[in-house]
Amino acid sequence: MTNVETTTETTDEQPPKRRWPIWPWLVLAVAGAVVTAVAAIFGTVSSDEPGGTRAASGQTTLTVVQVETSTVTATVTVAAPPAGPAVQLANGLHQVGVSVVPGTFRTAGPDGSNGGGCYWSRTSATTGDLLDNGVVSGPGTITLAPDELVEIAGCQPWALTF
């Protein structure tokens, strides 16, 4: 018979702590910078302020100047702004009388993007006070007056009723 001697060695050392990789943070930072730059460019292009010149054909020429390096000229085609206030509401914030006409609007209900249903709110454009709000789970109507702000979230388009 053979004797086998077993020894167990114990140490008080702890395994090295896990270091999280830095590359996901770098990717997020670069993506954020790109999104910010694109938003700034399209914000400038879609306005009639200096920095973008509107051409008759619906094209806008944007000149971006980088300090002490070079100048880049890009032509971006943008949709012409609507002729007047809209007669339909989409998700977002709208000013009644400016971006949308006053009146009574109807929706078929939620579009499925908001788990709570189709949310709407009306606030005073001058004071910011909440006038009314609600959640629609089926077809619904809303009446908008001039100088109001209306916010829509998770709804199918609202159409003006005639």
N, C-alpha and C. Protein backbone atom coordinates (compact mmCIF):
# COMPACT_ATOMS: atom_id res chain seq x y z
N MET A 1 0.82 -1.16 0.00
CA MET A 1 0.00 0.00 0.00
C MET A 1 0.88 1.24 0.00
N THR A 2 0.50 2.25 -0.79
CA THR A 2 1.30 3.45 -0.92
C THR A 2 0.65 4.57 -0.13
N ASN A 3 1.46 5.26 0.60
CA ASN A 3 0.96 6.42 1.33
C ASN A 3 1.06 7.65 0.43
N VAL A 4 -0.05 8.39 0.36
CA VAL A 4 -0.06 9.64 -0.42
C VAL A 4 -0.30 10.75 0.56
N GLU A 5 0.61 11.68 0.53
CA GLU A 5 0.48 12.80 1.46
C GLU A 5 -0.13 13.98 0.70
N THR A 6 -1.18 14.52 1.27
CA THR A 6 -1.86 15.65 0.64
C THR A 6 -1.68 16.86 1.53
N THR A 7 -1.29 17.94 0.92
CA THR A 7 -1.17 19.17 1.68
C THR A 7 -2.07 20.21 1.05
N THR A 8 -2.71 20.97 1.87
CA THR A 8 -3.57 22.05 1.41
C THR A 8 -2.98 23.34 1.93
N GLU A 9 -2.76 24.25 1.02
CA GLU A 9 -2.17 25.52 1.40
C GLU A 9 -3.26 26.57 1.35
N THR A 10 -3.39 27.34 2.41
CA THR A 10 -4.38 28.41 2.43
C THR A 10 -3.66 29.74 2.50
N THR A 11 -4.22 30.69 1.81
CA THR A 11 -3.65 32.04 1.85
C THR A 11 -4.77 33.02 2.12
N ASP A 12 -4.39 34.15 2.62
CA ASP A 12 -5.36 35.21 2.90
C ASP A 12 -5.47 36.18 1.73
N GLU A 13 -4.80 35.86 0.63
CA GLU A 13 -4.86 36.75 -0.52
C GLU A 13 -6.22 36.62 -1.20
N GLN A 14 -6.76 37.77 -1.63
CA GLN A 14 -8.02 37.79 -2.36
C GLN A 14 -7.71 37.89 -3.84
N PRO A 15 -8.60 37.34 -4.64
CA PRO A 15 -8.36 37.44 -6.09
C PRO A 15 -8.36 38.91 -6.52
N PRO A 16 -7.67 39.23 -7.59
CA PRO A 16 -7.62 40.62 -8.03
C PRO A 16 -9.02 41.12 -8.39
N LYS A 17 -9.28 42.39 -8.10
CA LYS A 17 -10.59 42.97 -8.41
C LYS A 17 -10.75 43.09 -9.91
N ARG A 18 -11.98 42.87 -10.36
CA ARG A 18 -12.26 42.93 -11.79
C ARG A 18 -12.31 44.39 -12.24
N ARG A 19 -11.60 44.70 -13.28
CA ARG A 19 -11.60 46.04 -13.84
C ARG A 19 -12.56 46.07 -15.02
N TRP A 20 -13.39 47.04 -15.04
CA TRP A 20 -14.35 47.18 -16.12
C TRP A 20 -13.64 47.80 -17.32
N PRO A 21 -13.98 47.33 -18.50
CA PRO A 21 -13.32 47.88 -19.70
C PRO A 21 -13.78 49.32 -19.95
N ILE A 22 -12.91 50.10 -20.53
CA ILE A 22 -13.22 51.51 -20.79
C ILE A 22 -13.86 51.72 -22.15
N TRP A 23 -13.73 50.74 -23.07
CA TRP A 23 -14.21 50.95 -24.44
C TRP A 23 -15.70 51.25 -24.54
N PRO A 24 -16.62 50.68 -23.71
CA PRO A 24 -18.03 51.06 -23.87
C PRO A 24 -18.26 52.54 -23.58
N TRP A 25 -17.53 53.08 -22.61
CA TRP A 25 -17.68 54.50 -22.27
C TRP A 25 -17.17 55.37 -23.41
N LEU A 26 -16.09 54.95 -24.04
CA LEU A 26 -15.57 55.72 -25.16
C LEU A 26 -16.54 55.71 -26.33
N VAL A 27 -17.14 54.56 -26.60
CA VAL A 27 -18.11 54.46 -27.69
C VAL A 27 -19.30 55.37 -27.40
N LEU A 28 -19.80 55.37 -26.17
CA LEU A 28 -20.93 56.23 -25.82
C LEU A 28 -20.56 57.71 -25.93
N ALA A 29 -19.36 58.07 -25.51
CA ALA A 29 -18.94 59.47 -25.59
C ALA A 29 -18.84 59.92 -27.05
N VAL A 30 -18.26 59.09 -27.91
CA VAL A 30 -18.14 59.45 -29.33
C VAL A 30 -19.53 59.52 -29.97
N ALA A 31 -20.40 58.57 -29.66
CA ALA A 31 -21.75 58.58 -30.22
C ALA A 31 -22.50 59.84 -29.77
N GLY A 32 -22.35 60.22 -28.52
CA GLY A 32 -22.99 61.43 -28.02
C GLY A 32 -22.50 62.67 -28.74
N ALA A 33 -21.19 62.73 -28.99
CA ALA A 33 -20.62 63.88 -29.70
C ALA A 33 -21.13 63.94 -31.13
N VAL A 34 -21.25 62.79 -31.79
CA VAL A 34 -21.75 62.75 -33.17
C VAL A 34 -23.21 63.18 -33.21
N VAL A 35 -24.03 62.67 -32.31
CA VAL A 35 -25.44 63.05 -32.28
C VAL A 35 -25.59 64.54 -32.02
N THR A 36 -24.80 65.09 -31.11
CA THR A 36 -24.86 66.52 -30.82
C THR A 36 -24.46 67.34 -32.04
N ALA A 37 -23.41 66.92 -32.74
CA ALA A 37 -22.96 67.64 -33.93
C ALA A 37 -24.02 67.61 -35.03
N VAL A 38 -24.63 66.44 -35.26
CA VAL A 38 -25.67 66.33 -36.29
C VAL A 38 -26.87 67.18 -35.92
N ALA A 39 -27.28 67.17 -34.66
CA ALA A 39 -28.41 67.99 -34.22
C ALA A 39 -28.10 69.47 -34.39
N ALA A 40 -26.88 69.89 -34.09
CA ALA A 40 -26.49 71.29 -34.26
C ALA A 40 -26.51 71.68 -35.73
N ILE A 41 -26.03 70.80 -36.60
CA ILE A 41 -26.01 71.11 -38.03
C ILE A 41 -27.43 71.21 -38.57
N PHE A 42 -28.29 70.24 -38.25
CA PHE A 42 -29.64 70.30 -38.76
C PHE A 42 -30.43 71.43 -38.12
N GLY A 43 -30.16 71.78 -36.89
CA GLY A 43 -30.81 72.93 -36.27
C GLY A 43 -30.45 74.21 -36.97
N THR A 44 -29.19 74.34 -37.38
CA THR A 44 -28.75 75.52 -38.10
C THR A 44 -29.30 75.53 -39.51
N VAL A 45 -29.31 74.37 -40.16
CA VAL A 45 -29.78 74.29 -41.54
C VAL A 45 -31.26 74.59 -41.63
N SER A 46 -32.05 74.12 -40.65
CA SER A 46 -33.49 74.30 -40.74
C SER A 46 -33.95 75.68 -40.31
N SER A 47 -33.06 76.52 -39.79
CA SER A 47 -33.45 77.87 -39.42
C SER A 47 -33.04 78.84 -40.52
N ASP A 48 -33.61 80.04 -40.47
CA ASP A 48 -33.24 81.06 -41.43
C ASP A 48 -32.23 82.02 -40.84
N GLU A 49 -31.49 81.61 -39.84
CA GLU A 49 -30.49 82.45 -39.21
C GLU A 49 -29.21 82.42 -40.02
N PRO A 50 -28.29 83.37 -39.76
CA PRO A 50 -27.01 83.33 -40.46
C PRO A 50 -26.30 82.01 -40.20
N GLY A 51 -25.59 81.52 -41.18
CA GLY A 51 -24.92 80.23 -41.07
C GLY A 51 -25.48 79.27 -42.08
N GLY A 52 -26.72 79.47 -42.48
CA GLY A 52 -27.33 78.67 -43.52
C GLY A 52 -28.01 79.63 -44.48
N THR A 53 -27.87 79.45 -45.76
CA THR A 53 -28.52 80.31 -46.73
C THR A 53 -29.53 79.47 -47.48
N ARG A 54 -30.73 79.94 -47.59
CA ARG A 54 -31.79 79.16 -48.21
C ARG A 54 -31.80 79.42 -49.71
N ALA A 55 -31.72 78.38 -50.48
CA ALA A 55 -31.77 78.48 -51.93
C ALA A 55 -33.22 78.32 -52.39
N ALA A 56 -33.53 78.79 -53.56
CA ALA A 56 -34.90 78.75 -54.07
C ALA A 56 -35.37 77.32 -54.31
N SER A 57 -34.48 76.38 -54.56
CA SER A 57 -34.86 75.01 -54.88
C SER A 57 -35.12 74.14 -53.67
N GLY A 58 -35.09 74.70 -52.47
CA GLY A 58 -35.30 73.90 -51.26
C GLY A 58 -34.01 73.33 -50.72
N GLN A 59 -32.86 73.74 -51.27
CA GLN A 59 -31.58 73.27 -50.77
C GLN A 59 -30.98 74.35 -49.88
N THR A 60 -30.21 73.92 -48.91
CA THR A 60 -29.55 74.84 -48.02
C THR A 60 -28.06 74.55 -48.07
N THR A 61 -27.26 75.60 -48.18
CA THR A 61 -25.81 75.44 -48.15
C THR A 61 -25.33 75.86 -46.78
N LEU A 62 -24.60 75.00 -46.15
CA LEU A 62 -24.10 75.23 -44.81
C LEU A 62 -22.59 75.26 -44.87
N THR A 63 -21.99 76.32 -44.34
CA THR A 63 -20.54 76.42 -44.30
C THR A 63 -20.09 76.23 -42.86
N VAL A 64 -19.23 75.25 -42.63
CA VAL A 64 -18.69 74.97 -41.31
C VAL A 64 -17.23 75.37 -41.34
N VAL A 65 -16.82 76.24 -40.44
CA VAL A 65 -15.44 76.70 -40.40
C VAL A 65 -14.77 76.12 -39.17
N GLN A 66 -13.68 75.40 -39.37
CA GLN A 66 -12.89 74.88 -38.27
C GLN A 66 -11.71 75.82 -38.08
N VAL A 67 -11.48 76.23 -36.86
CA VAL A 67 -10.46 77.22 -36.57
C VAL A 67 -9.09 76.73 -37.04
N GLU A 68 -8.44 77.54 -37.88
CA GLU A 68 -7.08 77.36 -38.37
C GLU A 68 -6.84 76.04 -39.09
N THR A 69 -7.88 75.38 -39.62
CA THR A 69 -7.61 74.15 -40.36
C THR A 69 -8.16 74.25 -41.77
N SER A 70 -9.46 74.15 -41.94
CA SER A 70 -10.02 74.18 -43.28
C SER A 70 -11.49 74.56 -43.22
N THR A 71 -12.08 74.78 -44.40
CA THR A 71 -13.50 75.08 -44.51
C THR A 71 -14.15 73.95 -45.30
N VAL A 72 -15.26 73.46 -44.81
CA VAL A 72 -15.99 72.38 -45.46
C VAL A 72 -17.36 72.92 -45.84
N THR A 73 -17.77 72.74 -47.09
CA THR A 73 -19.09 73.16 -47.53
C THR A 73 -19.90 71.92 -47.86
N ALA A 74 -21.09 71.85 -47.28
CA ALA A 74 -21.97 70.70 -47.51
C ALA A 74 -23.33 71.22 -47.96
N THR A 75 -23.95 70.56 -48.92
CA THR A 75 -25.30 70.92 -49.36
C THR A 75 -26.25 69.86 -48.83
N VAL A 76 -27.26 70.33 -48.10
CA VAL A 76 -28.24 69.44 -47.49
C VAL A 76 -29.62 69.85 -47.98
N THR A 77 -30.39 68.89 -48.45
CA THR A 77 -31.75 69.18 -48.89
C THR A 77 -32.69 69.01 -47.70
N VAL A 78 -33.44 70.06 -47.42
CA VAL A 78 -34.38 70.03 -46.31
C VAL A 78 -35.78 70.28 -46.86
N ALA A 79 -36.76 69.74 -46.18
CA ALA A 79 -38.14 69.95 -46.60
C ALA A 79 -38.53 71.39 -46.34
N ALA A 80 -39.34 71.94 -47.23
CA ALA A 80 -39.82 73.30 -47.05
C ALA A 80 -40.77 73.33 -45.85
N PRO A 81 -40.75 74.41 -45.07
CA PRO A 81 -41.67 74.48 -43.94
C PRO A 81 -43.12 74.52 -44.42
N PRO A 82 -44.05 74.06 -43.60
CA PRO A 82 -45.45 74.07 -44.01
C PRO A 82 -45.92 75.49 -44.29
N ALA A 83 -46.91 75.63 -45.18
CA ALA A 83 -47.41 76.94 -45.56
C ALA A 83 -48.07 77.66 -44.39
N GLY A 84 -48.61 76.96 -43.44
CA GLY A 84 -49.27 77.56 -42.30
C GLY A 84 -49.43 76.53 -41.20
N PRO A 85 -50.20 76.87 -40.19
CA PRO A 85 -50.41 75.90 -39.10
C PRO A 85 -51.02 74.60 -39.61
N ALA A 86 -50.61 73.50 -39.01
CA ALA A 86 -51.05 72.17 -39.43
C ALA A 86 -52.48 71.89 -38.98
N VAL A 87 -53.11 70.94 -39.66
CA VAL A 87 -54.45 70.50 -39.29
C VAL A 87 -54.41 69.07 -38.73
N GLN A 88 -53.19 68.59 -38.44
CA GLN A 88 -52.99 67.28 -37.82
C GLN A 88 -51.95 67.42 -36.72
N LEU A 89 -52.10 66.63 -35.66
CA LEU A 89 -51.16 66.62 -34.55
C LEU A 89 -50.44 65.29 -34.51
N ALA A 90 -49.13 65.34 -34.37
CA ALA A 90 -48.33 64.14 -34.16
C ALA A 90 -47.78 64.21 -32.74
N ASN A 91 -47.11 63.15 -32.30
CA ASN A 91 -46.50 63.16 -30.98
C ASN A 91 -45.51 64.32 -30.90
N GLY A 92 -45.51 65.03 -29.77
CA GLY A 92 -44.60 66.15 -29.58
C GLY A 92 -45.33 67.32 -28.93
N LEU A 93 -44.66 68.47 -28.93
CA LEU A 93 -45.19 69.69 -28.34
C LEU A 93 -45.54 70.66 -29.46
N HIS A 94 -46.75 71.22 -29.43
CA HIS A 94 -47.24 72.11 -30.48
C HIS A 94 -47.81 73.36 -29.86
N GLN A 95 -47.63 74.51 -30.53
CA GLN A 95 -48.23 75.76 -30.09
C GLN A 95 -49.44 76.03 -30.96
N VAL A 96 -50.59 76.13 -30.33
CA VAL A 96 -51.85 76.34 -31.05
C VAL A 96 -51.84 77.76 -31.62
N GLY A 97 -52.22 77.87 -32.87
CA GLY A 97 -52.23 79.15 -33.56
C GLY A 97 -50.93 79.43 -34.30
N VAL A 98 -49.84 78.71 -33.96
CA VAL A 98 -48.56 78.89 -34.64
C VAL A 98 -48.23 77.64 -35.46
N SER A 99 -48.10 76.50 -34.77
CA SER A 99 -47.76 75.26 -35.48
C SER A 99 -48.98 74.40 -35.78
N VAL A 100 -50.10 74.68 -35.15
CA VAL A 100 -51.32 73.91 -35.38
C VAL A 100 -52.52 74.87 -35.23
N VAL A 101 -53.55 74.64 -36.03
CA VAL A 101 -54.73 75.51 -35.97
C VAL A 101 -55.56 75.18 -34.74
N PRO A 102 -56.27 76.17 -34.18
CA PRO A 102 -57.19 75.86 -33.09
C PRO A 102 -58.40 75.08 -33.62
N GLY A 103 -59.04 74.32 -32.76
CA GLY A 103 -60.23 73.57 -33.15
C GLY A 103 -60.32 72.27 -32.39
N THR A 104 -61.22 71.41 -32.84
CA THR A 104 -61.43 70.11 -32.20
C THR A 104 -60.74 69.05 -33.04
N PHE A 105 -59.93 68.22 -32.38
CA PHE A 105 -59.16 67.17 -33.04
C PHE A 105 -59.61 65.81 -32.53
N ARG A 106 -59.50 64.80 -33.38
CA ARG A 106 -59.91 63.44 -33.04
C ARG A 106 -58.77 62.48 -33.35
N THR A 107 -58.59 61.47 -32.47
CA THR A 107 -57.60 60.41 -32.69
C THR A 107 -58.27 59.05 -32.58
N ALA A 108 -57.66 58.07 -33.21
CA ALA A 108 -58.16 56.69 -33.11
C ALA A 108 -57.70 56.03 -31.82
N GLY A 109 -56.72 56.66 -31.13
CA GLY A 109 -56.27 56.12 -29.84
C GLY A 109 -54.77 55.94 -29.79
N PRO A 110 -54.29 55.10 -28.88
CA PRO A 110 -52.86 54.89 -28.70
C PRO A 110 -52.20 54.26 -29.92
N ASP A 111 -50.90 54.59 -30.10
CA ASP A 111 -50.15 53.98 -31.20
C ASP A 111 -49.29 52.81 -30.73
N GLY A 112 -49.34 52.48 -29.45
CA GLY A 112 -48.60 51.34 -28.92
C GLY A 112 -47.20 51.67 -28.43
N SER A 113 -46.73 52.92 -28.63
CA SER A 113 -45.38 53.27 -28.21
C SER A 113 -45.30 53.67 -26.74
N ASN A 114 -46.43 53.92 -26.12
CA ASN A 114 -46.47 54.34 -24.72
C ASN A 114 -47.33 53.34 -23.95
N GLY A 115 -46.74 52.65 -23.01
CA GLY A 115 -47.45 51.62 -22.25
C GLY A 115 -48.66 52.15 -21.51
N GLY A 116 -48.65 53.44 -21.18
CA GLY A 116 -49.77 54.03 -20.44
C GLY A 116 -50.93 54.44 -21.32
N GLY A 117 -50.79 54.38 -22.62
CA GLY A 117 -51.85 54.81 -23.53
C GLY A 117 -51.46 56.09 -24.23
N CYS A 118 -52.45 56.77 -24.74
CA CYS A 118 -52.28 58.01 -25.50
C CYS A 118 -52.42 59.18 -24.52
N TYR A 119 -51.31 59.87 -24.22
CA TYR A 119 -51.32 60.98 -23.25
C TYR A 119 -51.41 62.31 -23.98
N TRP A 120 -52.18 63.24 -23.44
CA TRP A 120 -52.24 64.60 -23.97
C TRP A 120 -52.31 65.58 -22.80
N SER A 121 -51.80 66.78 -23.02
CA SER A 121 -51.94 67.84 -22.02
C SER A 121 -52.03 69.18 -22.73
N ARG A 122 -52.79 70.09 -22.13
CA ARG A 122 -52.93 71.46 -22.63
C ARG A 122 -52.41 72.40 -21.55
N THR A 123 -51.52 73.31 -21.92
CA THR A 123 -51.01 74.31 -20.98
C THR A 123 -51.15 75.69 -21.61
N SER A 124 -51.18 76.70 -20.75
CA SER A 124 -51.24 78.08 -21.22
C SER A 124 -49.88 78.47 -21.77
N ALA A 125 -49.87 79.04 -22.98
CA ALA A 125 -48.61 79.46 -23.60
C ALA A 125 -48.05 80.70 -22.90
N THR A 126 -48.89 81.47 -22.24
CA THR A 126 -48.42 82.70 -21.60
C THR A 126 -47.97 82.47 -20.16
N THR A 127 -48.70 81.65 -19.40
CA THR A 127 -48.35 81.46 -17.99
C THR A 127 -47.69 80.11 -17.71
N GLY A 128 -47.87 79.14 -18.59
CA GLY A 128 -47.32 77.80 -18.37
C GLY A 128 -48.18 76.94 -17.45
N ASP A 129 -49.36 77.46 -17.04
CA ASP A 129 -50.25 76.70 -16.17
C ASP A 129 -50.90 75.54 -16.92
N LEU A 130 -51.02 74.40 -16.25
CA LEU A 130 -51.69 73.24 -16.80
C LEU A 130 -53.18 73.53 -16.88
N LEU A 131 -53.76 73.43 -18.07
CA LEU A 131 -55.19 73.67 -18.25
C LEU A 131 -55.98 72.38 -18.13
N ASP A 132 -55.46 71.30 -18.72
CA ASP A 132 -56.15 70.01 -18.70
C ASP A 132 -55.19 68.95 -19.23
N ASN A 133 -55.41 67.71 -18.86
CA ASN A 133 -54.62 66.60 -19.40
C ASN A 133 -55.41 65.32 -19.26
N GLY A 134 -54.95 64.28 -19.92
CA GLY A 134 -55.64 63.01 -19.83
C GLY A 134 -54.92 61.92 -20.58
N VAL A 135 -55.45 60.70 -20.43
CA VAL A 135 -54.93 59.53 -21.13
C VAL A 135 -56.10 58.90 -21.85
N VAL A 136 -55.91 58.64 -23.14
CA VAL A 136 -56.96 58.05 -23.97
C VAL A 136 -56.56 56.61 -24.26
N SER A 137 -57.47 55.68 -24.01
CA SER A 137 -57.18 54.28 -24.29
C SER A 137 -57.90 53.79 -25.54
N GLY A 138 -58.72 54.64 -26.13
CA GLY A 138 -59.44 54.34 -27.37
C GLY A 138 -59.59 55.63 -28.15
N PRO A 139 -60.57 55.73 -29.03
CA PRO A 139 -60.78 56.97 -29.75
C PRO A 139 -61.06 58.13 -28.78
N GLY A 140 -60.59 59.31 -29.15
CA GLY A 140 -60.81 60.46 -28.27
C GLY A 140 -60.78 61.76 -29.03
N THR A 141 -61.24 62.83 -28.37
CA THR A 141 -61.24 64.16 -28.96
C THR A 141 -60.63 65.15 -27.97
N ILE A 142 -60.14 66.25 -28.51
CA ILE A 142 -59.58 67.32 -27.71
C ILE A 142 -59.87 68.63 -28.43
N THR A 143 -60.21 69.67 -27.69
CA THR A 143 -60.47 70.98 -28.27
C THR A 143 -59.37 71.93 -27.84
N LEU A 144 -58.76 72.58 -28.83
CA LEU A 144 -57.62 73.46 -28.59
C LEU A 144 -57.99 74.90 -28.92
N ALA A 145 -57.58 75.82 -28.05
CA ALA A 145 -57.83 77.25 -28.24
C ALA A 145 -56.51 77.95 -28.56
N PRO A 146 -56.57 79.14 -29.17
CA PRO A 146 -55.33 79.88 -29.46
C PRO A 146 -54.56 80.16 -28.17
N ASP A 147 -53.26 80.35 -28.29
CA ASP A 147 -52.36 80.63 -27.17
C ASP A 147 -52.28 79.50 -26.15
N GLU A 148 -52.43 78.27 -26.61
CA GLU A 148 -52.23 77.10 -25.77
C GLU A 148 -51.08 76.30 -26.33
N LEU A 149 -50.46 75.51 -25.46
CA LEU A 149 -49.48 74.51 -25.88
C LEU A 149 -50.13 73.16 -25.66
N VAL A 150 -49.98 72.26 -26.63
CA VAL A 150 -50.53 70.92 -26.47
C VAL A 150 -49.38 69.94 -26.64
N GLU A 151 -49.31 68.98 -25.72
CA GLU A 151 -48.30 67.93 -25.78
C GLU A 151 -48.99 66.60 -26.01
N ILE A 152 -48.48 65.84 -26.99
CA ILE A 152 -49.06 64.56 -27.36
C ILE A 152 -47.97 63.49 -27.22
N ALA A 153 -48.30 62.34 -26.62
CA ALA A 153 -47.32 61.25 -26.49
C ALA A 153 -48.02 59.91 -26.62
N GLY A 154 -47.52 59.06 -27.50
CA GLY A 154 -48.02 57.70 -27.65
C GLY A 154 -49.36 57.59 -28.36
N CYS A 155 -49.67 58.57 -29.22
CA CYS A 155 -50.98 58.59 -29.88
C CYS A 155 -50.84 58.40 -31.39
N GLN A 156 -51.89 57.85 -31.99
CA GLN A 156 -52.01 57.92 -33.43
C GLN A 156 -52.29 59.38 -33.78
N PRO A 157 -52.07 59.81 -35.01
CA PRO A 157 -52.25 61.22 -35.35
C PRO A 157 -53.66 61.73 -34.99
N TRP A 158 -53.69 62.97 -34.54
CA TRP A 158 -54.94 63.66 -34.25
C TRP A 158 -55.28 64.48 -35.48
N ALA A 159 -56.50 64.37 -36.00
CA ALA A 159 -56.92 65.12 -37.19
C ALA A 159 -58.01 66.11 -36.81
N LEU A 160 -57.95 67.29 -37.44
CA LEU A 160 -58.95 68.33 -37.21
C LEU A 160 -60.30 67.84 -37.72
N THR A 161 -61.32 67.98 -36.91
CA THR A 161 -62.68 67.62 -37.34
C THR A 161 -63.32 68.86 -37.94
N PHE A 162 -63.99 68.68 -39.04
CA PHE A 162 -64.60 69.83 -39.71
C PHE A 162 -66.09 69.86 -39.49
